[in-house]
Amino acid sequence: MAHPNYSEGRITIDPAVCNGKPTLRGKRITVQTVLGYLSEGDSADEILAQYPSLDAEDIRACLRFATQVMSQRYDLAKVA
């Protein structure tokens, strides 16, 4: 199921796909995977060569999604 705020519907979250992790357009390619490649210094072109079913807008959607997640307020709670 796509959420309208999830980068124009490119990011989907479905409990039946990749254990509910955010994926690109319901494919079994997670946002975390793409962000991991970017964080290791891979270029968008290198990622697209590895995953030809993606396009450049998918990579930008991952970055927007990460920005949306990080813009949330987080509170620390003491656990037992």
PDB file of N, CA and C in Angstrom:
ATOM      1  N   MET A   1       0.834  -1.169   0.000  1.00  0.00           N
ATOM      2  CA  MET A   1       0.000   0.000   0.000  1.00  0.00           C
ATOM      3  C   MET A   1       0.881   1.233   0.000  1.00  0.00           C
ATOM      4  N   ALA A   2       0.533   2.184  -0.787  1.00  0.00           N
ATOM      5  CA  ALA A   2       1.311   3.412  -0.892  1.00  0.00           C
ATOM      6  C   ALA A   2       0.689   4.478   0.000  1.00  0.00           C
ATOM      7  N   HIS A   3       1.496   5.288   0.591  1.00  0.00           N
ATOM      8  CA  HIS A   3       1.046   6.402   1.398  1.00  0.00           C
ATOM      9  C   HIS A   3       1.370   7.661   0.607  1.00  0.00           C
ATOM     10  N   PRO A   4       0.434   8.606   0.508  1.00  0.00           N
ATOM     11  CA  PRO A   4       0.676   9.780  -0.331  1.00  0.00           C
ATOM     12  C   PRO A   4       1.905  10.586   0.052  1.00  0.00           C
ATOM     13  N   ASN A   5       2.320  10.543   1.316  1.00  0.00           N
ATOM     14  CA  ASN A   5       3.504  11.289   1.727  1.00  0.00           C
ATOM     15  C   ASN A   5       4.794  10.530   1.464  1.00  0.00           C
ATOM     16  N   TYR A   6       4.705   9.315   1.028  1.00  0.00           N
ATOM     17  CA  TYR A   6       5.907   8.514   0.806  1.00  0.00           C
ATOM     18  C   TYR A   6       6.447   8.767  -0.591  1.00  0.00           C
ATOM     19  N   SER A   7       6.952   9.959  -0.766  1.00  0.00           N
ATOM     20  CA  SER A   7       7.632  10.346  -2.000  1.00  0.00           C
ATOM     21  C   SER A   7       6.806  10.032  -3.246  1.00  0.00           C
ATOM     22  N   GLU A   8       5.642  10.650  -3.266  1.00  0.00           N
ATOM     23  CA  GLU A   8       4.749  10.562  -4.422  1.00  0.00           C
ATOM     24  C   GLU A   8       4.372   9.124  -4.774  1.00  0.00           C
ATOM     25  N   GLY A   9       4.250   8.271  -3.796  1.00  0.00           N
ATOM     26  CA  GLY A   9       3.806   6.903  -4.029  1.00  0.00           C
ATOM     27  C   GLY A   9       4.880   5.941  -4.496  1.00  0.00           C
ATOM     28  N   ARG A  10       6.081   6.390  -4.651  1.00  0.00           N
ATOM     29  CA  ARG A  10       7.159   5.487  -5.077  1.00  0.00           C
ATOM     30  C   ARG A  10       7.593   4.570  -3.947  1.00  0.00           C
ATOM     31  N   ILE A  11       7.456   5.021  -2.718  1.00  0.00           N
ATOM     32  CA  ILE A  11       7.828   4.211  -1.566  1.00  0.00           C
ATOM     33  C   ILE A  11       6.560   3.519  -1.066  1.00  0.00           C
ATOM     34  N   THR A  12       6.617   2.215  -0.965  1.00  0.00           N
ATOM     35  CA  THR A  12       5.465   1.461  -0.493  1.00  0.00           C
ATOM     36  C   THR A  12       5.854   0.643   0.734  1.00  0.00           C
ATOM     37  N   ILE A  13       4.865   0.441   1.585  1.00  0.00           N
ATOM     38  CA  ILE A  13       5.065  -0.382   2.776  1.00  0.00           C
ATOM     39  C   ILE A  13       3.953  -1.418   2.787  1.00  0.00           C
ATOM     40  N   ASP A  14       4.353  -2.659   2.670  1.00  0.00           N
ATOM     41  CA  ASP A  14       3.402  -3.768   2.612  1.00  0.00           C
ATOM     42  C   ASP A  14       3.938  -4.867   3.513  1.00  0.00           C
ATOM     43  N   PRO A  15       3.177  -5.270   4.522  1.00  0.00           N
ATOM     44  CA  PRO A  15       3.669  -6.309   5.438  1.00  0.00           C
ATOM     45  C   PRO A  15       4.067  -7.600   4.732  1.00  0.00           C
ATOM     46  N   ALA A  16       3.531  -7.841   3.538  1.00  0.00           N
ATOM     47  CA  ALA A  16       3.827  -9.077   2.811  1.00  0.00           C
ATOM     48  C   ALA A  16       5.084  -8.972   1.948  1.00  0.00           C
ATOM     49  N   VAL A  17       5.668  -7.781   1.873  1.00  0.00           N
ATOM     50  CA  VAL A  17       6.857  -7.583   1.031  1.00  0.00           C
ATOM     51  C   VAL A  17       8.009  -7.130   1.920  1.00  0.00           C
ATOM     52  N   CYS A  18       9.088  -7.883   1.919  1.00  0.00           N
ATOM     53  CA  CYS A  18      10.302  -7.558   2.680  1.00  0.00           C
ATOM     54  C   CYS A  18       9.998  -7.266   4.149  1.00  0.00           C
ATOM     55  N   ASN A  19       9.113  -8.070   4.734  1.00  0.00           N
ATOM     56  CA  ASN A  19       8.771  -7.937   6.153  1.00  0.00           C
ATOM     57  C   ASN A  19       8.291  -6.542   6.534  1.00  0.00           C
ATOM     58  N   GLY A  20       7.638  -5.871   5.602  1.00  0.00           N
ATOM     59  CA  GLY A  20       7.072  -4.562   5.895  1.00  0.00           C
ATOM     60  C   GLY A  20       8.038  -3.402   5.822  1.00  0.00           C
ATOM     61  N   LYS A  21       9.270  -3.659   5.398  1.00  0.00           N
ATOM     62  CA  LYS A  21      10.217  -2.555   5.245  1.00  0.00           C
ATOM     63  C   LYS A  21       9.801  -1.704   4.047  1.00  0.00           C
ATOM     64  N   PRO A  22      10.078  -0.404   4.084  1.00  0.00           N
ATOM     65  CA  PRO A  22       9.754   0.441   2.935  1.00  0.00           C
ATOM     66  C   PRO A  22      10.517  -0.029   1.692  1.00  0.00           C
ATOM     67  N   THR A  23       9.791  -0.205   0.593  1.00  0.00           N
ATOM     68  CA  THR A  23      10.389  -0.645  -0.667  1.00  0.00           C
ATOM     69  C   THR A  23      10.038   0.337  -1.773  1.00  0.00           C
ATOM     70  N   LEU A  24      10.703   0.161  -2.881  1.00  0.00           N
ATOM     71  CA  LEU A  24      10.427   0.991  -4.049  1.00  0.00           C
ATOM     72  C   LEU A  24       9.374   0.337  -4.926  1.00  0.00           C
ATOM     73  N   ARG A  25       8.243   1.004  -5.034  1.00  0.00           N
ATOM     74  CA  ARG A  25       7.136   0.592  -5.911  1.00  0.00           C
ATOM     75  C   ARG A  25       6.758  -0.881  -5.742  1.00  0.00           C
ATOM     76  N   GLY A  26       6.817  -1.382  -4.510  1.00  0.00           N
ATOM     77  CA  GLY A  26       6.404  -2.750  -4.231  1.00  0.00           C
ATOM     78  C   GLY A  26       7.395  -3.814  -4.671  1.00  0.00           C
ATOM     79  N   LYS A  27       8.519  -3.387  -5.219  1.00  0.00           N
ATOM     80  CA  LYS A  27       9.559  -4.343  -5.621  1.00  0.00           C
ATOM     81  C   LYS A  27      10.287  -4.812  -4.363  1.00  0.00           C
ATOM     82  N   ARG A  28      11.035  -5.817  -4.475  1.00  0.00           N
ATOM     83  CA  ARG A  28      11.793  -6.311  -3.322  1.00  0.00           C
ATOM     84  C   ARG A  28      13.151  -5.619  -3.224  1.00  0.00           C
ATOM     85  N   ILE A  29      13.122  -4.326  -3.419  1.00  0.00           N
ATOM     86  CA  ILE A  29      14.311  -3.486  -3.268  1.00  0.00           C
ATOM     87  C   ILE A  29      13.948  -2.464  -2.201  1.00  0.00           C
ATOM     88  N   THR A  30      14.630  -2.555  -1.053  1.00  0.00           N
ATOM     89  CA  THR A  30      14.265  -1.678   0.056  1.00  0.00           C
ATOM     90  C   THR A  30      14.938  -0.312  -0.046  1.00  0.00           C
ATOM     91  N   VAL A  31      14.290   0.648   0.579  1.00  0.00           N
ATOM     92  CA  VAL A  31      14.872   1.985   0.699  1.00  0.00           C
ATOM     93  C   VAL A  31      16.212   1.879   1.424  1.00  0.00           C
ATOM     94  N   GLN A  32      16.266   1.036   2.437  1.00  0.00           N
ATOM     95  CA  GLN A  32      17.493   0.849   3.206  1.00  0.00           C
ATOM     96  C   GLN A  32      18.637   0.376   2.313  1.00  0.00           C
ATOM     97  N   THR A  33      18.347  -0.510   1.370  1.00  0.00           N
ATOM     98  CA  THR A  33      19.383  -1.004   0.460  1.00  0.00           C
ATOM     99  C   THR A  33      19.958   0.141  -0.358  1.00  0.00           C
ATOM    100  N   VAL A  34      19.079   0.944  -0.938  1.00  0.00           N
ATOM    101  CA  VAL A  34      19.532   2.063  -1.771  1.00  0.00           C
ATOM    102  C   VAL A  34      20.319   3.056  -0.925  1.00  0.00           C
ATOM    103  N   LEU A  35      19.808   3.393   0.246  1.00  0.00           N
ATOM    104  CA  LEU A  35      20.520   4.334   1.113  1.00  0.00           C
ATOM    105  C   LEU A  35      21.865   3.769   1.552  1.00  0.00           C
ATOM    106  N   GLY A  36      21.932   2.470   1.766  1.00  0.00           N
ATOM    107  CA  GLY A  36      23.199   1.836   2.125  1.00  0.00           C
ATOM    108  C   GLY A  36      24.238   1.992   1.032  1.00  0.00           C
ATOM    109  N   TYR A  37      23.828   1.766  -0.216  1.00  0.00           N
ATOM    110  CA  TYR A  37      24.760   1.950  -1.331  1.00  0.00           C
ATOM    111  C   TYR A  37      25.223   3.405  -1.409  1.00  0.00           C
ATOM    112  N   LEU A  38      24.286   4.335  -1.273  1.00  0.00           N
ATOM    113  CA  LEU A  38      24.657   5.744  -1.331  1.00  0.00           C
ATOM    114  C   LEU A  38      25.617   6.108  -0.205  1.00  0.00           C
ATOM    115  N   SER A  39      25.364   5.568   0.989  1.00  0.00           N
ATOM    116  CA  SER A  39      26.221   5.906   2.128  1.00  0.00           C
ATOM    117  C   SER A  39      27.627   5.348   1.981  1.00  0.00           C
ATOM    118  N   GLU A  40      27.774   4.307   1.180  1.00  0.00           N
ATOM    119  CA  GLU A  40      29.100   3.734   0.932  1.00  0.00           C
ATOM    120  C   GLU A  40      29.812   4.409  -0.242  1.00  0.00           C
ATOM    121  N   GLY A  41      29.147   5.399  -0.842  1.00  0.00           N
ATOM    122  CA  GLY A  41      29.793   6.168  -1.896  1.00  0.00           C
ATOM    123  C   GLY A  41      29.424   5.762  -3.311  1.00  0.00           C
ATOM    124  N   ASP A  42      28.525   4.792  -3.463  1.00  0.00           N
ATOM    125  CA  ASP A  42      28.095   4.418  -4.817  1.00  0.00           C
ATOM    126  C   ASP A  42      27.302   5.564  -5.429  1.00  0.00           C
ATOM    127  N   SER A  43      27.466   5.746  -6.718  1.00  0.00           N
ATOM    128  CA  SER A  43      26.727   6.795  -7.421  1.00  0.00           C
ATOM    129  C   SER A  43      25.350   6.269  -7.820  1.00  0.00           C
ATOM    130  N   ALA A  44      24.473   7.202  -8.159  1.00  0.00           N
ATOM    131  CA  ALA A  44      23.149   6.804  -8.649  1.00  0.00           C
ATOM    132  C   ALA A  44      23.297   5.923  -9.879  1.00  0.00           C
ATOM    133  N   ASP A  45      24.220   6.250 -10.760  1.00  0.00           N
ATOM    134  CA  ASP A  45      24.415   5.446 -11.973  1.00  0.00           C
ATOM    135  C   ASP A  45      24.845   4.021 -11.628  1.00  0.00           C
ATOM    136  N   GLU A  46      25.700   3.861 -10.621  1.00  0.00           N
ATOM    137  CA  GLU A  46      26.126   2.522 -10.212  1.00  0.00           C
ATOM    138  C   GLU A  46      24.950   1.718  -9.647  1.00  0.00           C
ATOM    139  N   ILE A  47      24.102   2.384  -8.871  1.00  0.00           N
ATOM    140  CA  ILE A  47      22.936   1.704  -8.307  1.00  0.00           C
ATOM    141  C   ILE A  47      21.980   1.308  -9.423  1.00  0.00           C
ATOM    142  N   LEU A  48      21.764   2.198 -10.374  1.00  0.00           N
ATOM    143  CA  LEU A  48      20.857   1.905 -11.481  1.00  0.00           C
ATOM    144  C   LEU A  48      21.390   0.777 -12.357  1.00  0.00           C
ATOM    145  N   ALA A  49      22.694   0.672 -12.480  1.00  0.00           N
ATOM    146  CA  ALA A  49      23.277  -0.438 -13.244  1.00  0.00           C
ATOM    147  C   ALA A  49      23.038  -1.762 -12.524  1.00  0.00           C
ATOM    148  N   GLN A  50      23.096  -1.732 -11.194  1.00  0.00           N
ATOM    149  CA  GLN A  50      22.880  -2.938 -10.379  1.00  0.00           C
ATOM    150  C   GLN A  50      21.403  -3.331 -10.353  1.00  0.00           C
ATOM    151  N   TYR A  51      20.529  -2.334 -10.374  1.00  0.00           N
ATOM    152  CA  TYR A  51      19.081  -2.561 -10.296  1.00  0.00           C
ATOM    153  C   TYR A  51      18.398  -1.882 -11.489  1.00  0.00           C
ATOM    154  N   PRO A  52      18.424  -2.509 -12.648  1.00  0.00           N
ATOM    155  CA  PRO A  52      17.892  -1.866 -13.853  1.00  0.00           C
ATOM    156  C   PRO A  52      16.385  -1.595 -13.822  1.00  0.00           C
ATOM    157  N   SER A  53      15.661  -2.180 -12.874  1.00  0.00           N
ATOM    158  CA  SER A  53      14.225  -1.899 -12.800  1.00  0.00           C
ATOM    159  C   SER A  53      13.945  -0.569 -12.086  1.00  0.00           C
ATOM    160  N   LEU A  54      14.980   0.043 -11.521  1.00  0.00           N
ATOM    161  CA  LEU A  54      14.830   1.342 -10.880  1.00  0.00           C
ATOM    162  C   LEU A  54      15.151   2.455 -11.856  1.00  0.00           C
ATOM    163  N   ASP A  55      14.734   3.668 -11.488  1.00  0.00           N
ATOM    164  CA  ASP A  55      15.142   4.836 -12.270  1.00  0.00           C
ATOM    165  C   ASP A  55      15.640   5.915 -11.308  1.00  0.00           C
ATOM    166  N   ALA A  56      16.162   6.983 -11.857  1.00  0.00           N
ATOM    167  CA  ALA A  56      16.781   8.021 -11.034  1.00  0.00           C
ATOM    168  C   ALA A  56      15.786   8.615 -10.043  1.00  0.00           C
ATOM    169  N   GLU A  57      14.535   8.716 -10.418  1.00  0.00           N
ATOM    170  CA  GLU A  57      13.529   9.269  -9.511  1.00  0.00           C
ATOM    171  C   GLU A  57      13.332   8.367  -8.288  1.00  0.00           C
ATOM    172  N   ASP A  58      13.517   7.057  -8.457  1.00  0.00           N
ATOM    173  CA  ASP A  58      13.431   6.141  -7.321  1.00  0.00           C
ATOM    174  C   ASP A  58      14.502   6.463  -6.282  1.00  0.00           C
ATOM    175  N   ILE A  59      15.686   6.753  -6.741  1.00  0.00           N
ATOM    176  CA  ILE A  59      16.783   7.072  -5.821  1.00  0.00           C
ATOM    177  C   ILE A  59      16.492   8.384  -5.092  1.00  0.00           C
ATOM    178  N   ARG A  60      16.011   9.368  -5.822  1.00  0.00           N
ATOM    179  CA  ARG A  60      15.645  10.631  -5.181  1.00  0.00           C
ATOM    180  C   ARG A  60      14.513  10.414  -4.173  1.00  0.00           C
ATOM    181  N   ALA A  61      13.580   9.527  -4.499  1.00  0.00           N
ATOM    182  CA  ALA A  61      12.473   9.228  -3.580  1.00  0.00           C
ATOM    183  C   ALA A  61      13.011   8.634  -2.279  1.00  0.00           C
ATOM    184  N   CYS A  62      14.031   7.795  -2.361  1.00  0.00           N
ATOM    185  CA  CYS A  62      14.640   7.225  -1.152  1.00  0.00           C
ATOM    186  C   CYS A  62      15.219   8.331  -0.278  1.00  0.00           C
ATOM    187  N   LEU A  63      15.878   9.276  -0.896  1.00  0.00           N
ATOM    188  CA  LEU A  63      16.460  10.383  -0.137  1.00  0.00           C
ATOM    189  C   LEU A  63      15.380  11.257   0.481  1.00  0.00           C
ATOM    190  N   ARG A  64      14.303  11.520  -0.262  1.00  0.00           N
ATOM    191  CA  ARG A  64      13.197  12.302   0.293  1.00  0.00           C
ATOM    192  C   ARG A  64      12.541  11.551   1.458  1.00  0.00           C
ATOM    193  N   PHE A  65      12.376  10.243   1.299  1.00  0.00           N
ATOM    194  CA  PHE A  65      11.778   9.431   2.360  1.00  0.00           C
ATOM    195  C   PHE A  65      12.628   9.503   3.624  1.00  0.00           C
ATOM    196  N   ALA A  66      13.933   9.359   3.473  1.00  0.00           N
ATOM    197  CA  ALA A  66      14.829   9.435   4.627  1.00  0.00           C
ATOM    198  C   ALA A  66      14.726  10.812   5.285  1.00  0.00           C
ATOM    199  N   THR A  67      14.605  11.853   4.494  1.00  0.00           N
ATOM    200  CA  THR A  67      14.443  13.200   5.032  1.00  0.00           C
ATOM    201  C   THR A  67      13.143  13.313   5.802  1.00  0.00           C
ATOM    202  N   GLN A  68      12.070  12.736   5.255  1.00  0.00           N
ATOM    203  CA  GLN A  68      10.777  12.764   5.949  1.00  0.00           C
ATOM    204  C   GLN A  68      10.865  12.029   7.285  1.00  0.00           C
ATOM    205  N   VAL A  69      11.501  10.878   7.288  1.00  0.00           N
ATOM    206  CA  VAL A  69      11.624  10.097   8.523  1.00  0.00           C
ATOM    207  C   VAL A  69      12.434  10.881   9.558  1.00  0.00           C
ATOM    208  N   MET A  70      13.509  11.493   9.130  1.00  0.00           N
ATOM    209  CA  MET A  70      14.372  12.203  10.062  1.00  0.00           C
ATOM    210  C   MET A  70      13.758  13.512  10.547  1.00  0.00           C
ATOM    211  N   SER A  71      12.729  14.003   9.874  1.00  0.00           N
ATOM    212  CA  SER A  71      12.101  15.255  10.301  1.00  0.00           C
ATOM    213  C   SER A  71      11.096  15.037  11.440  1.00  0.00           C
ATOM    214  N   GLN A  72      10.853  13.770  11.780  1.00  0.00           N
ATOM    215  CA  GLN A  72       9.933  13.450  12.870  1.00  0.00           C
ATOM    216  C   GLN A  72      10.571  13.785  14.215  1.00  0.00           C
ATOM    217  N   ARG A  73       9.735  14.026  15.179  1.00  0.00           N
ATOM    218  CA  ARG A  73      10.219  14.276  16.536  1.00  0.00           C
ATOM    219  C   ARG A  73      10.373  12.925  17.235  1.00  0.00           C
ATOM    220  N   TYR A  74      11.460  12.768  17.934  1.00  0.00           N
ATOM    221  CA  TYR A  74      11.728  11.527  18.652  1.00  0.00           C
ATOM    222  C   TYR A  74      11.902  11.845  20.134  1.00  0.00           C
ATOM    223  N   ASP A  75      11.276  11.039  20.967  1.00  0.00           N
ATOM    224  CA  ASP A  75      11.430  11.158  22.407  1.00  0.00           C
ATOM    225  C   ASP A  75      12.068   9.886  22.933  1.00  0.00           C
ATOM    226  N   LEU A  76      12.997  10.041  23.845  1.00  0.00           N
ATOM    227  CA  LEU A  76      13.612   8.887  24.479  1.00  0.00           C
ATOM    228  C   LEU A  76      12.761   8.466  25.662  1.00  0.00           C
ATOM    229  N   ALA A  77      12.528   7.216  25.757  1.00  0.00           N
ATOM    230  CA  ALA A  77      11.745   6.694  26.875  1.00  0.00           C
ATOM    231  C   ALA A  77      12.601   5.688  27.631  1.00  0.00           C
ATOM    232  N   LYS A  78      12.525   5.766  28.945  1.00  0.00           N
ATOM    233  CA  LYS A  78      13.259   4.808  29.767  1.00  0.00           C
ATOM    234  C   LYS A  78      12.514   3.480  29.724  1.00  0.00           C
ATOM    235  N   VAL A  79      13.236   2.431  29.392  1.00  0.00           N
ATOM    236  CA  VAL A  79      12.644   1.089  29.317  1.00  0.00           C
ATOM    237  C   VAL A  79      13.160   0.277  30.491  1.00  0.00           C
ATOM    238  N   ALA A  80      12.252  -0.244  31.269  1.00  0.00           N
ATOM    239  CA  ALA A  80      12.532  -1.043  32.465  1.00  0.00           C
ATOM    240  C   ALA A  80      13.895  -0.800  32.963  1.00  0.00           C
TER     241      ALA A  80
END
